[in-house]
Amino acid sequence: MVGVAGIVALFVVRGISSTWGGLALPNEAQDFLTLSISVIIESLPFVILGIVLSIAVQVWVPDTLFVRLLPKNRVLRRVAISLLGVLLPVCECGNVPLARGLIVKGLTVAESMTFLLAAPIVNPITIITTAQAFGWTNGILIARVAGGFLIANLIGWLFSRHANQPGLLTPRFAAECALPPSHEHGETRWGQSVELFVHEAGTILPALFLGAVAAGLVQVVVPRQVLVTLGSNPLWSILAMMVLAFIISVCSNVDAFFILPFATTFLPGSIVSFLVFGPLIDIKMLALMRTTFRVRVLVQLTIVVALASALVGLVVNFVS
């Protein structure tokens, strides 16, 4: 209810602010409301889709299906899991509840991380929109897909070496994963689905609201012109684009069209870094992932993904 009330309040205040006459909100406040609402409008359908897919995985998919289909070798297993995003047209915000469902279903935390980071970039909608924006000949699309795939598997390998996988999760979610199947008390699958939808929505929607508010606030405070002036430097352009991706929190399914106007002033490597880093780590995603992973894990995840994304951008700049 907190998440729903906060989202509704943003829409109501923005909707009636234009009718207040002399008491109208300042331009900065209206920009903040508009930007926050845009993040919610863009993300909410995929969040709901992610929750529905999570319910399908947890309730309707047989327990042994993943065990039977996925390879036994750990490296090949993570590779196969990272390619699941090809079958699921969900952007990064919707993949958080889906990744939670995979953990509940028995996948390790490292394996779910591999899926969580790879799926937003290898999903077919992201590939199509990136191809439409940049084409197939300039290398941006290939660098984005390959970079996202490699970074996801790097993260999966690093966290697979952690001896205590449940220790990577928040205590609350770890306790939920430890519940035995008998806690359902013979409830029908439809009843379980409704209960799980309410639970997941109650966890994700407040995080989405807070992430959207934070993204809108930072966009109003930080001048974009400061970032744009750095576009011609091979290193600083990459860092500027990564900061922009972190602040804007735009969905991976449409971020290629958002960044397309910058392609004439920024080097190709910086565009690739934006397209790789943004779907994996931004303000909204960190707020959503906080429902599942400990703060220490998120800090480590952010550092590794940032360094790897910058490296991908530098390689593209060097090659081009």
C-alpha atoms as a PDB file:
ATOM      1  CA  MET A   1       0.000   0.000   0.000  1.00  0.00           C
ATOM      2  CA  VAL A   2       2.917   2.365   0.666  1.00  0.00           C
ATOM      3  CA  GLY A   3       4.295   1.766  -2.818  1.00  0.00           C
ATOM      4  CA  VAL A   4       0.883   2.179  -4.480  1.00  0.00           C
ATOM      5  CA  ALA A   5       0.069   5.304  -2.430  1.00  0.00           C
ATOM      6  CA  GLY A   6       3.416   6.901  -3.314  1.00  0.00           C
ATOM      7  CA  ILE A   7       3.013   6.192  -7.030  1.00  0.00           C
ATOM      8  CA  VAL A   8      -0.567   7.498  -7.066  1.00  0.00           C
ATOM      9  CA  ALA A   9       0.501  10.622  -5.152  1.00  0.00           C
ATOM     10  CA  LEU A  10       3.104  11.461  -7.823  1.00  0.00           C
ATOM     11  CA  PHE A  11       0.484  11.221 -10.561  1.00  0.00           C
ATOM     12  CA  VAL A  12      -2.116  13.225  -8.630  1.00  0.00           C
ATOM     13  CA  VAL A  13       0.237  16.067  -7.690  1.00  0.00           C
ATOM     14  CA  ARG A  14       1.613  16.293 -11.239  1.00  0.00           C
ATOM     15  CA  GLY A  15      -1.876  16.181 -12.713  1.00  0.00           C
ATOM     16  CA  ILE A  16      -3.362  19.001 -10.650  1.00  0.00           C
ATOM     17  CA  SER A  17      -0.255  21.211 -10.406  1.00  0.00           C
ATOM     18  CA  SER A  18      -1.013  22.801 -13.782  1.00  0.00           C
ATOM     19  CA  THR A  19      -4.388  24.020 -12.478  1.00  0.00           C
ATOM     20  CA  TRP A  20      -3.079  25.791  -9.393  1.00  0.00           C
ATOM     21  CA  GLY A  21      -2.515  29.124 -11.128  1.00  0.00           C
ATOM     22  CA  GLY A  22      -0.339  31.357  -8.972  1.00  0.00           C
ATOM     23  CA  LEU A  23       0.337  28.479  -6.606  1.00  0.00           C
ATOM     24  CA  ALA A  24       1.779  26.288  -9.353  1.00  0.00           C
ATOM     25  CA  LEU A  25       4.885  24.288  -8.521  1.00  0.00           C
ATOM     26  CA  PRO A  26       8.302  25.613  -9.602  1.00  0.00           C
ATOM     27  CA  ASN A  27       9.652  24.263 -12.879  1.00  0.00           C
ATOM     28  CA  GLU A  28      12.248  22.149 -11.049  1.00  0.00           C
ATOM     29  CA  ALA A  29       9.540  20.470  -8.953  1.00  0.00           C
ATOM     30  CA  GLN A  30       7.410  19.792 -12.034  1.00  0.00           C
ATOM     31  CA  ASP A  31      10.458  18.355 -13.822  1.00  0.00           C
ATOM     32  CA  PHE A  32      11.113  16.122 -10.807  1.00  0.00           C
ATOM     33  CA  LEU A  33       7.526  14.823 -10.855  1.00  0.00           C
ATOM     34  CA  THR A  34       7.575  14.278 -14.624  1.00  0.00           C
ATOM     35  CA  LEU A  35      10.896  12.432 -14.605  1.00  0.00           C
ATOM     36  CA  SER A  36       9.910  10.238 -11.639  1.00  0.00           C
ATOM     37  CA  ILE A  37       6.576   9.391 -13.252  1.00  0.00           C
ATOM     38  CA  SER A  38       8.295   8.559 -16.557  1.00  0.00           C
ATOM     39  CA  VAL A  39      10.496   5.995 -14.798  1.00  0.00           C
ATOM     40  CA  ILE A  40       7.418   4.420 -13.189  1.00  0.00           C
ATOM     41  CA  ILE A  41       5.383   4.361 -16.425  1.00  0.00           C
ATOM     42  CA  GLU A  42       8.300   2.787 -18.272  1.00  0.00           C
ATOM     43  CA  SER A  43       9.083   0.213 -15.578  1.00  0.00           C
ATOM     44  CA  LEU A  44       5.740  -0.798 -14.075  1.00  0.00           C
ATOM     45  CA  PRO A  45       4.468  -3.003 -16.949  1.00  0.00           C
ATOM     46  CA  PHE A  46       7.717  -4.976 -16.932  1.00  0.00           C
ATOM     47  CA  VAL A  47       7.691  -5.227 -13.134  1.00  0.00           C
ATOM     48  CA  ILE A  48       4.199  -6.748 -13.266  1.00  0.00           C
ATOM     49  CA  LEU A  49       5.266  -9.064 -16.105  1.00  0.00           C
ATOM     50  CA  GLY A  50       8.315 -10.083 -14.080  1.00  0.00           C
ATOM     51  CA  ILE A  51       6.145 -10.885 -11.049  1.00  0.00           C
ATOM     52  CA  VAL A  52       3.794 -12.969 -13.211  1.00  0.00           C
ATOM     53  CA  LEU A  53       6.713 -14.895 -14.710  1.00  0.00           C
ATOM     54  CA  SER A  54       8.154 -15.365 -11.222  1.00  0.00           C
ATOM     55  CA  ILE A  55       4.849 -16.861 -10.092  1.00  0.00           C
ATOM     56  CA  ALA A  56       4.846 -19.159 -13.119  1.00  0.00           C
ATOM     57  CA  VAL A  57       8.349 -20.357 -12.247  1.00  0.00           C
ATOM     58  CA  GLN A  58       7.649 -20.850  -8.533  1.00  0.00           C
ATOM     59  CA  VAL A  59       4.131 -22.320  -8.662  1.00  0.00           C
ATOM     60  CA  TRP A  60       3.447 -23.783 -12.088  1.00  0.00           C
ATOM     61  CA  VAL A  61       6.826 -25.060 -13.313  1.00  0.00           C
ATOM     62  CA  PRO A  62       7.710 -28.552 -11.983  1.00  0.00           C
ATOM     63  CA  ASP A  63      10.502 -28.552  -9.406  1.00  0.00           C
ATOM     64  CA  THR A  64      12.685 -30.922 -11.419  1.00  0.00           C
ATOM     65  CA  LEU A  65      12.441 -29.055 -14.736  1.00  0.00           C
ATOM     66  CA  PHE A  66      15.490 -26.823 -14.261  1.00  0.00           C
ATOM     67  CA  VAL A  67      17.496 -29.688 -12.798  1.00  0.00           C
ATOM     68  CA  ARG A  68      16.767 -31.834 -15.859  1.00  0.00           C
ATOM     69  CA  LEU A  69      17.304 -29.210 -18.538  1.00  0.00           C
ATOM     70  CA  LEU A  70      20.310 -27.255 -17.267  1.00  0.00           C
ATOM     71  CA  PRO A  71      23.832 -28.655 -17.799  1.00  0.00           C
ATOM     72  CA  LYS A  72      25.622 -30.214 -14.848  1.00  0.00           C
ATOM     73  CA  ASN A  73      28.908 -28.431 -15.531  1.00  0.00           C
ATOM     74  CA  ARG A  74      28.885 -25.201 -13.503  1.00  0.00           C
ATOM     75  CA  VAL A  75      30.318 -22.976 -16.234  1.00  0.00           C
ATOM     76  CA  LEU A  76      28.008 -24.336 -18.948  1.00  0.00           C
ATOM     77  CA  ARG A  77      25.126 -24.139 -16.490  1.00  0.00           C
ATOM     78  CA  ARG A  78      25.674 -20.409 -15.935  1.00  0.00           C
ATOM     79  CA  VAL A  79      26.067 -19.860 -19.688  1.00  0.00           C
ATOM     80  CA  ALA A  80      22.718 -21.575 -20.298  1.00  0.00           C
ATOM     81  CA  ILE A  81      21.068 -19.562 -17.501  1.00  0.00           C
ATOM     82  CA  SER A  82      22.400 -16.295 -18.904  1.00  0.00           C
ATOM     83  CA  LEU A  83      20.760 -17.126 -22.243  1.00  0.00           C
ATOM     84  CA  LEU A  84      17.319 -17.600 -20.659  1.00  0.00           C
ATOM     85  CA  GLY A  85      16.753 -13.902 -21.269  1.00  0.00           C
ATOM     86  CA  VAL A  86      16.448 -14.638 -24.994  1.00  0.00           C
ATOM     87  CA  LEU A  87      13.128 -16.326 -24.193  1.00  0.00           C
ATOM     88  CA  LEU A  88      11.868 -13.652 -21.773  1.00  0.00           C
ATOM     89  CA  PRO A  89      11.136 -10.128 -23.123  1.00  0.00           C
ATOM     90  CA  VAL A  90      11.458  -8.502 -19.701  1.00  0.00           C
ATOM     91  CA  CYS A  91      13.687  -5.502 -18.971  1.00  0.00           C
ATOM     92  CA  GLU A  92      15.919  -5.275 -15.908  1.00  0.00           C
ATOM     93  CA  CYS A  93      13.267  -4.078 -13.445  1.00  0.00           C
ATOM     94  CA  GLY A  94      11.007  -7.059 -14.197  1.00  0.00           C
ATOM     95  CA  ASN A  95      13.887  -9.517 -13.893  1.00  0.00           C
ATOM     96  CA  VAL A  96      14.352  -8.871 -10.164  1.00  0.00           C
ATOM     97  CA  PRO A  97      11.176 -10.712  -9.070  1.00  0.00           C
ATOM     98  CA  LEU A  98      11.898 -13.380 -11.679  1.00  0.00           C
ATOM     99  CA  ALA A  99      15.414 -13.892 -10.306  1.00  0.00           C
ATOM    100  CA  ARG A 100      13.921 -14.155  -6.812  1.00  0.00           C
ATOM    101  CA  GLY A 101      11.657 -16.902  -8.096  1.00  0.00           C
ATOM    102  CA  LEU A 102      14.604 -18.786  -9.574  1.00  0.00           C
ATOM    103  CA  ILE A 103      16.377 -18.701  -6.211  1.00  0.00           C
ATOM    104  CA  VAL A 104      13.265 -20.035  -4.478  1.00  0.00           C
ATOM    105  CA  LYS A 105      13.100 -22.746  -7.126  1.00  0.00           C
ATOM    106  CA  GLY A 106      16.573 -23.984  -6.237  1.00  0.00           C
ATOM    107  CA  LEU A 107      19.094 -22.078  -8.354  1.00  0.00           C
ATOM    108  CA  THR A 108      22.113 -20.755  -6.468  1.00  0.00           C
ATOM    109  CA  VAL A 109      22.426 -17.047  -5.785  1.00  0.00           C
ATOM    110  CA  ALA A 110      25.359 -16.820  -8.219  1.00  0.00           C
ATOM    111  CA  GLU A 111      23.312 -18.497 -10.958  1.00  0.00           C
ATOM    112  CA  SER A 112      20.382 -16.147 -10.400  1.00  0.00           C
ATOM    113  CA  MET A 113      22.776 -13.185 -10.579  1.00  0.00           C
ATOM    114  CA  THR A 114      24.012 -14.451 -13.937  1.00  0.00           C
ATOM    115  CA  PHE A 115      20.456 -14.483 -15.240  1.00  0.00           C
ATOM    116  CA  LEU A 116      19.601 -11.127 -13.631  1.00  0.00           C
ATOM    117  CA  LEU A 117      22.498  -9.321 -15.311  1.00  0.00           C
ATOM    118  CA  ALA A 118      22.417 -11.052 -18.705  1.00  0.00           C
ATOM    119  CA  ALA A 119      18.677 -11.101 -19.370  1.00  0.00           C
ATOM    120  CA  PRO A 120      18.110  -7.332 -19.824  1.00  0.00           C
ATOM    121  CA  ILE A 121      20.693  -7.207 -22.635  1.00  0.00           C
ATOM    122  CA  VAL A 122      20.193 -10.539 -24.439  1.00  0.00           C
ATOM    123  CA  ASN A 123      16.399 -10.359 -24.483  1.00  0.00           C
ATOM    124  CA  PRO A 124      14.990 -10.036 -28.028  1.00  0.00           C
ATOM    125  CA  ILE A 125      13.290  -6.636 -27.547  1.00  0.00           C
ATOM    126  CA  THR A 126      16.556  -5.032 -26.421  1.00  0.00           C
ATOM    127  CA  ILE A 127      18.428  -6.545 -29.369  1.00  0.00           C
ATOM    128  CA  ILE A 128      15.815  -5.374 -31.869  1.00  0.00           C
ATOM    129  CA  THR A 129      15.608  -1.809 -30.521  1.00  0.00           C
ATOM    130  CA  THR A 130      19.399  -1.506 -30.410  1.00  0.00           C
ATOM    131  CA  ALA A 131      19.618  -2.760 -33.991  1.00  0.00           C
ATOM    132  CA  GLN A 132      16.949  -0.280 -35.067  1.00  0.00           C
ATOM    133  CA  ALA A 133      18.796   2.599 -33.394  1.00  0.00           C
ATOM    134  CA  PHE A 134      22.387   1.828 -34.416  1.00  0.00           C
ATOM    135  CA  GLY A 135      22.168  -0.819 -37.125  1.00  0.00           C
ATOM    136  CA  TRP A 136      24.304  -3.935 -37.439  1.00  0.00           C
ATOM    137  CA  THR A 137      27.408  -2.483 -39.065  1.00  0.00           C
ATOM    138  CA  ASN A 138      28.957  -0.105 -36.497  1.00  0.00           C
ATOM    139  CA  GLY A 139      29.731  -2.730 -33.844  1.00  0.00           C
ATOM    140  CA  ILE A 140      27.688  -1.128 -31.056  1.00  0.00           C
ATOM    141  CA  LEU A 141      25.052  -3.876 -31.038  1.00  0.00           C
ATOM    142  CA  ILE A 142      27.603  -6.713 -31.040  1.00  0.00           C
ATOM    143  CA  ALA A 143      29.702  -5.023 -28.348  1.00  0.00           C
ATOM    144  CA  ARG A 144      26.632  -4.497 -26.189  1.00  0.00           C
ATOM    145  CA  VAL A 145      25.365  -8.079 -26.373  1.00  0.00           C
ATOM    146  CA  ALA A 146      28.823  -9.650 -26.037  1.00  0.00           C
ATOM    147  CA  GLY A 147      29.838  -7.271 -23.233  1.00  0.00           C
ATOM    148  CA  GLY A 148      26.662  -7.857 -21.231  1.00  0.00           C
ATOM    149  CA  PHE A 149      26.919 -11.624 -21.674  1.00  0.00           C
ATOM    150  CA  LEU A 150      30.574 -11.737 -20.562  1.00  0.00           C
ATOM    151  CA  ILE A 151      30.048  -9.424 -17.570  1.00  0.00           C
ATOM    152  CA  ALA A 152      27.066 -11.483 -16.374  1.00  0.00           C
ATOM    153  CA  ASN A 153      29.090 -14.694 -16.515  1.00  0.00           C
ATOM    154  CA  LEU A 154      32.058 -12.990 -14.823  1.00  0.00           C
ATOM    155  CA  ILE A 155      29.782 -11.934 -11.952  1.00  0.00           C
ATOM    156  CA  GLY A 156      28.303 -15.424 -11.778  1.00  0.00           C
ATOM    157  CA  TRP A 157      31.770 -16.982 -11.561  1.00  0.00           C
ATOM    158  CA  LEU A 158      32.990 -14.525  -8.903  1.00  0.00           C
ATOM    159  CA  PHE A 159      30.004 -14.996  -6.604  1.00  0.00           C
ATOM    160  CA  SER A 160      29.936 -18.770  -7.191  1.00  0.00           C
ATOM    161  CA  ARG A 161      33.193 -18.874  -5.243  1.00  0.00           C
ATOM    162  CA  HIS A 162      31.391 -17.559  -2.154  1.00  0.00           C
ATOM    163  CA  ALA A 163      31.097 -20.468   0.265  1.00  0.00           C
ATOM    164  CA  ASN A 164      27.868 -19.279   1.900  1.00  0.00           C
ATOM    165  CA  GLN A 165      25.440 -18.527  -0.933  1.00  0.00           C
ATOM    166  CA  PRO A 166      22.439 -17.737   1.341  1.00  0.00           C
ATOM    167  CA  GLY A 167      24.692 -15.238   3.144  1.00  0.00           C
ATOM    168  CA  LEU A 168      24.561 -13.046   0.018  1.00  0.00           C
ATOM    169  CA  LEU A 169      20.817 -12.551   0.505  1.00  0.00           C
ATOM    170  CA  THR A 170      18.993 -10.274   2.906  1.00  0.00           C
ATOM    171  CA  PRO A 171      18.043 -12.142   6.104  1.00  0.00           C
ATOM    172  CA  ARG A 172      14.337 -11.791   5.307  1.00  0.00           C
ATOM    173  CA  PHE A 173      14.568 -13.259   1.808  1.00  0.00           C
ATOM    174  CA  ALA A 174      16.997 -15.978   2.934  1.00  0.00           C
ATOM    175  CA  ALA A 175      14.436 -17.034   5.546  1.00  0.00           C
ATOM    176  CA  GLU A 176      11.730 -17.202   2.853  1.00  0.00           C
ATOM    177  CA  CYS A 177      13.927 -19.400   0.675  1.00  0.00           C
ATOM    178  CA  ALA A 178      14.528 -21.735   3.620  1.00  0.00           C
ATOM    179  CA  LEU A 179      10.820 -22.400   4.173  1.00  0.00           C
ATOM    180  CA  PRO A 180       9.872 -26.021   3.432  1.00  0.00           C
ATOM    181  CA  PRO A 181       7.286 -26.746   0.723  1.00  0.00           C
ATOM    182  CA  SER A 182       4.833 -27.940   3.395  1.00  0.00           C
ATOM    183  CA  HIS A 183       4.141 -24.358   4.503  1.00  0.00           C
ATOM    184  CA  GLU A 184       1.532 -24.063   1.756  1.00  0.00           C
ATOM    185  CA  HIS A 185      -0.929 -26.238   3.736  1.00  0.00           C
ATOM    186  CA  GLY A 186      -2.543 -27.789   0.688  1.00  0.00           C
ATOM    187  CA  GLU A 187      -3.495 -24.457  -0.873  1.00  0.00           C
ATOM    188  CA  THR A 188      -4.444 -24.571  -4.551  1.00  0.00           C
ATOM    189  CA  ARG A 189      -2.026 -23.298  -7.156  1.00  0.00           C
ATOM    190  CA  TRP A 190      -4.300 -20.371  -7.940  1.00  0.00           C
ATOM    191  CA  GLY A 191      -4.427 -19.454  -4.266  1.00  0.00           C
ATOM    192  CA  GLN A 192      -0.647 -19.688  -4.042  1.00  0.00           C
ATOM    193  CA  SER A 193      -0.351 -17.502  -7.160  1.00  0.00           C
ATOM    194  CA  VAL A 194      -2.550 -14.755  -5.698  1.00  0.00           C
ATOM    195  CA  GLU A 195      -0.728 -14.857  -2.364  1.00  0.00           C
ATOM    196  CA  LEU A 196       2.649 -14.738  -4.087  1.00  0.00           C
ATOM    197  CA  PHE A 197       1.588 -11.840  -6.332  1.00  0.00           C
ATOM    198  CA  VAL A 198       0.530  -9.795  -3.315  1.00  0.00           C
ATOM    199  CA  HIS A 199       3.774 -10.625  -1.510  1.00  0.00           C
ATOM    200  CA  GLU A 200       6.075  -9.834  -4.457  1.00  0.00           C
ATOM    201  CA  ALA A 201       4.192  -6.638  -5.341  1.00  0.00           C
ATOM    202  CA  GLY A 202       4.421  -5.537  -1.704  1.00  0.00           C
ATOM    203  CA  THR A 203       8.178  -6.042  -1.843  1.00  0.00           C
ATOM    204  CA  ILE A 204       8.921  -4.574  -5.276  1.00  0.00           C
ATOM    205  CA  LEU A 205       6.532  -1.595  -5.598  1.00  0.00           C
ATOM    206  CA  PRO A 206       7.923   0.426  -2.656  1.00  0.00           C
ATOM    207  CA  ALA A 207      11.430  -0.115  -4.038  1.00  0.00           C
ATOM    208  CA  LEU A 208      10.282   0.981  -7.504  1.00  0.00           C
ATOM    209  CA  PHE A 209       8.713   4.124  -6.017  1.00  0.00           C
ATOM    210  CA  LEU A 210      11.836   5.031  -4.058  1.00  0.00           C
ATOM    211  CA  GLY A 211      14.106   4.305  -7.025  1.00  0.00           C
ATOM    212  CA  ALA A 212      11.976   6.451  -9.353  1.00  0.00           C
ATOM    213  CA  VAL A 213      11.960   9.335  -6.858  1.00  0.00           C
ATOM    214  CA  ALA A 214      15.731   9.122  -6.437  1.00  0.00           C
ATOM    215  CA  ALA A 215      16.303   8.989 -10.210  1.00  0.00           C
ATOM    216  CA  GLY A 216      14.045  11.989 -10.806  1.00  0.00           C
ATOM    217  CA  LEU A 217      15.660  13.989  -8.007  1.00  0.00           C
ATOM    218  CA  VAL A 218      19.217  13.393  -9.221  1.00  0.00           C
ATOM    219  CA  GLN A 219      18.306  14.290 -12.802  1.00  0.00           C
ATOM    220  CA  VAL A 220      16.983  17.650 -11.629  1.00  0.00           C
ATOM    221  CA  VAL A 221      19.999  18.389  -9.411  1.00  0.00           C
ATOM    222  CA  VAL A 222      22.828  17.278 -11.739  1.00  0.00           C
ATOM    223  CA  PRO A 223      23.173  19.459 -14.894  1.00  0.00           C
ATOM    224  CA  ARG A 224      23.215  17.301 -18.019  1.00  0.00           C
ATOM    225  CA  GLN A 225      25.405  19.830 -19.810  1.00  0.00           C
ATOM    226  CA  VAL A 226      28.253  18.915 -17.468  1.00  0.00           C
ATOM    227  CA  LEU A 227      28.107  15.362 -18.766  1.00  0.00           C
ATOM    228  CA  VAL A 228      27.706  16.290 -22.424  1.00  0.00           C
ATOM    229  CA  THR A 229      30.839  18.497 -22.485  1.00  0.00           C
ATOM    230  CA  LEU A 230      32.953  15.449 -21.645  1.00  0.00           C
ATOM    231  CA  GLY A 231      31.895  13.518 -24.746  1.00  0.00           C
ATOM    232  CA  SER A 232      35.037  13.866 -26.849  1.00  0.00           C
ATOM    233  CA  ASN A 233      37.516  12.448 -24.308  1.00  0.00           C
ATOM    234  CA  PRO A 234      38.107   8.660 -24.706  1.00  0.00           C
ATOM    235  CA  LEU A 235      38.118   8.037 -20.944  1.00  0.00           C
ATOM    236  CA  TRP A 236      35.966  10.805 -19.514  1.00  0.00           C
ATOM    237  CA  SER A 237      33.275  10.243 -22.129  1.00  0.00           C
ATOM    238  CA  ILE A 238      32.930   6.654 -20.897  1.00  0.00           C
ATOM    239  CA  LEU A 239      32.697   7.725 -17.263  1.00  0.00           C
ATOM    240  CA  ALA A 240      30.220  10.478 -18.158  1.00  0.00           C
ATOM    241  CA  MET A 241      27.971   8.056 -20.038  1.00  0.00           C
ATOM    242  CA  MET A 242      28.066   5.568 -17.169  1.00  0.00           C
ATOM    243  CA  VAL A 243      27.114   8.290 -14.708  1.00  0.00           C
ATOM    244  CA  LEU A 244      24.309   9.339 -17.052  1.00  0.00           C
ATOM    245  CA  ALA A 245      23.071   5.739 -17.296  1.00  0.00           C
ATOM    246  CA  PHE A 246      23.136   5.418 -13.505  1.00  0.00           C
ATOM    247  CA  ILE A 247      21.133   8.629 -13.066  1.00  0.00           C
ATOM    248  CA  ILE A 248      18.606   8.311 -15.899  1.00  0.00           C
ATOM    249  CA  SER A 249      17.580   4.721 -14.996  1.00  0.00           C
ATOM    250  CA  VAL A 250      15.986   4.184 -18.398  1.00  0.00           C
ATOM    251  CA  CYS A 251      14.677   0.723 -19.309  1.00  0.00           C
ATOM    252  CA  SER A 252      16.953  -1.474 -21.424  1.00  0.00           C
ATOM    253  CA  ASN A 253      14.182  -1.992 -23.968  1.00  0.00           C
ATOM    254  CA  VAL A 254      14.231   1.689 -24.991  1.00  0.00           C
ATOM    255  CA  ASP A 255      17.603   3.035 -23.818  1.00  0.00           C
ATOM    256  CA  ALA A 256      19.119   2.752 -27.316  1.00  0.00           C
ATOM    257  CA  PHE A 257      16.680   5.370 -28.622  1.00  0.00           C
ATOM    258  CA  PHE A 258      17.332   7.587 -25.613  1.00  0.00           C
ATOM    259  CA  ILE A 259      21.098   7.634 -26.161  1.00  0.00           C
ATOM    260  CA  LEU A 260      20.935   7.848 -29.973  1.00  0.00           C
ATOM    261  CA  PRO A 261      21.073  11.703 -30.065  1.00  0.00           C
ATOM    262  CA  PHE A 262      24.370  11.541 -28.124  1.00  0.00           C
ATOM    263  CA  ALA A 263      25.983   9.304 -30.757  1.00  0.00           C
ATOM    264  CA  THR A 264      27.130  12.300 -32.821  1.00  0.00           C
ATOM    265  CA  THR A 265      29.039  13.920 -29.920  1.00  0.00           C
ATOM    266  CA  PHE A 266      30.212  10.910 -27.901  1.00  0.00           C
ATOM    267  CA  LEU A 267      32.678   8.226 -28.918  1.00  0.00           C
ATOM    268  CA  PRO A 268      31.310   4.725 -29.743  1.00  0.00           C
ATOM    269  CA  GLY A 269      32.925   3.181 -26.654  1.00  0.00           C
ATOM    270  CA  SER A 270      31.091   5.570 -24.363  1.00  0.00           C
ATOM    271  CA  ILE A 271      27.776   4.688 -26.033  1.00  0.00           C
ATOM    272  CA  VAL A 272      28.504   0.989 -25.522  1.00  0.00           C
ATOM    273  CA  SER A 273      29.410   1.585 -21.866  1.00  0.00           C
ATOM    274  CA  PHE A 274      26.072   3.360 -21.405  1.00  0.00           C
ATOM    275  CA  LEU A 275      24.182   0.499 -23.056  1.00  0.00           C
ATOM    276  CA  VAL A 276      26.017  -2.148 -21.003  1.00  0.00           C
ATOM    277  CA  PHE A 277      26.247  -0.484 -17.587  1.00  0.00           C
ATOM    278  CA  GLY A 278      22.767   1.078 -17.451  1.00  0.00           C
ATOM    279  CA  PRO A 279      20.693  -2.134 -17.644  1.00  0.00           C
ATOM    280  CA  LEU A 280      22.853  -3.770 -14.974  1.00  0.00           C
ATOM    281  CA  ILE A 281      23.354  -0.993 -12.414  1.00  0.00           C
ATOM    282  CA  ASP A 282      21.339   2.190 -11.952  1.00  0.00           C
ATOM    283  CA  ILE A 283      19.489   3.934  -9.136  1.00  0.00           C
ATOM    284  CA  LYS A 284      16.241   2.091  -9.789  1.00  0.00           C
ATOM    285  CA  MET A 285      17.926  -1.318 -10.100  1.00  0.00           C
ATOM    286  CA  LEU A 286      19.877  -0.918  -6.867  1.00  0.00           C
ATOM    287  CA  ALA A 287      16.646  -0.055  -5.047  1.00  0.00           C
ATOM    288  CA  LEU A 288      14.973  -3.155  -6.495  1.00  0.00           C
ATOM    289  CA  MET A 289      17.937  -5.465  -5.862  1.00  0.00           C
ATOM    290  CA  ARG A 290      18.107  -4.269  -2.258  1.00  0.00           C
ATOM    291  CA  THR A 291      14.951  -6.324  -1.667  1.00  0.00           C
ATOM    292  CA  THR A 292      17.026  -9.449  -2.329  1.00  0.00           C
ATOM    293  CA  PHE A 293      20.765  -8.841  -1.786  1.00  0.00           C
ATOM    294  CA  ARG A 294      22.764  -7.397   1.101  1.00  0.00           C
ATOM    295  CA  VAL A 295      24.261  -3.914   0.815  1.00  0.00           C
ATOM    296  CA  ARG A 296      27.809  -5.320   0.804  1.00  0.00           C
ATOM    297  CA  VAL A 297      26.925  -7.533  -2.166  1.00  0.00           C
ATOM    298  CA  LEU A 298      25.453  -4.596  -4.076  1.00  0.00           C
ATOM    299  CA  VAL A 299      28.592  -2.517  -3.471  1.00  0.00           C
ATOM    300  CA  GLN A 300      30.812  -5.330  -4.765  1.00  0.00           C
ATOM    301  CA  LEU A 301      28.485  -5.911  -7.705  1.00  0.00           C
ATOM    302  CA  THR A 302      28.489  -2.222  -8.651  1.00  0.00           C
ATOM    303  CA  ILE A 303      32.273  -1.929  -8.544  1.00  0.00           C
ATOM    304  CA  VAL A 304      32.916  -5.009 -10.692  1.00  0.00           C
ATOM    305  CA  VAL A 305      30.212  -4.154 -13.242  1.00  0.00           C
ATOM    306  CA  ALA A 306      31.442  -0.542 -13.485  1.00  0.00           C
ATOM    307  CA  LEU A 307      35.055  -1.571 -14.079  1.00  0.00           C
ATOM    308  CA  ALA A 308      34.079  -4.224 -16.612  1.00  0.00           C
ATOM    309  CA  SER A 309      31.711  -1.871 -18.472  1.00  0.00           C
ATOM    310  CA  ALA A 310      34.419   0.806 -18.651  1.00  0.00           C
ATOM    311  CA  LEU A 311      36.870  -1.793 -19.999  1.00  0.00           C
ATOM    312  CA  VAL A 312      34.405  -2.808 -22.724  1.00  0.00           C
ATOM    313  CA  GLY A 313      34.036   0.848 -23.699  1.00  0.00           C
ATOM    314  CA  LEU A 314      37.793   1.396 -23.803  1.00  0.00           C
ATOM    315  CA  VAL A 315      38.265  -1.652 -26.037  1.00  0.00           C
ATOM    316  CA  VAL A 316      35.599  -0.383 -28.423  1.00  0.00           C
ATOM    317  CA  ASN A 317      37.214   3.079 -28.538  1.00  0.00           C
ATOM    318  CA  PHE A 318      40.609   1.502 -29.204  1.00  0.00           C
ATOM    319  CA  VAL A 319      39.302  -0.741 -31.989  1.00  0.00           C
ATOM    320  CA  SER A 320      37.243   2.000 -33.629  1.00  0.00           C
END
